[in-house]
Amino acid sequence: MNNLIFIILGMAAVTYGPRLAPFLLLSDKQVPKRLDAFLKCIPVAAIGALIIPGVFSATPDMPLAAVAGMVFTLIVGLWKGGIIIPVLGSVAVTYLVLLCNV
């Protein structure tokens, strides 16, 4: 049991260290504009790479439902912003398309 506590504390330190280091080392420096623009694109690319395959595997028999949900999310997300309304709306749109085609 004692080893388990040391393992958890070690894992916490290894995980937290790299996240804390940029704040401590770069807190007074200005990030170049090009690097800042690049860093702002990473979450969008990562979310797209993680979510799009899951969307099509959730409705394998009806890819139209997946496309309808993604289009709704894209339009509402770009128009209104936020994340709750586009996500909940895409679930509802996908469900309605599946319900209409059964």
Foldseek 3Di string as FASTA:
>chain_A
DVVVVVVVVVVVCVVVVVVCVCCVPVVPPDDDPVVVVVVVCVVVVVCCVPVPVVLCVVCVPCVVLSVQLVVQLVVCCVVPNDDPVSVVVSVVSSVVVVVVVD
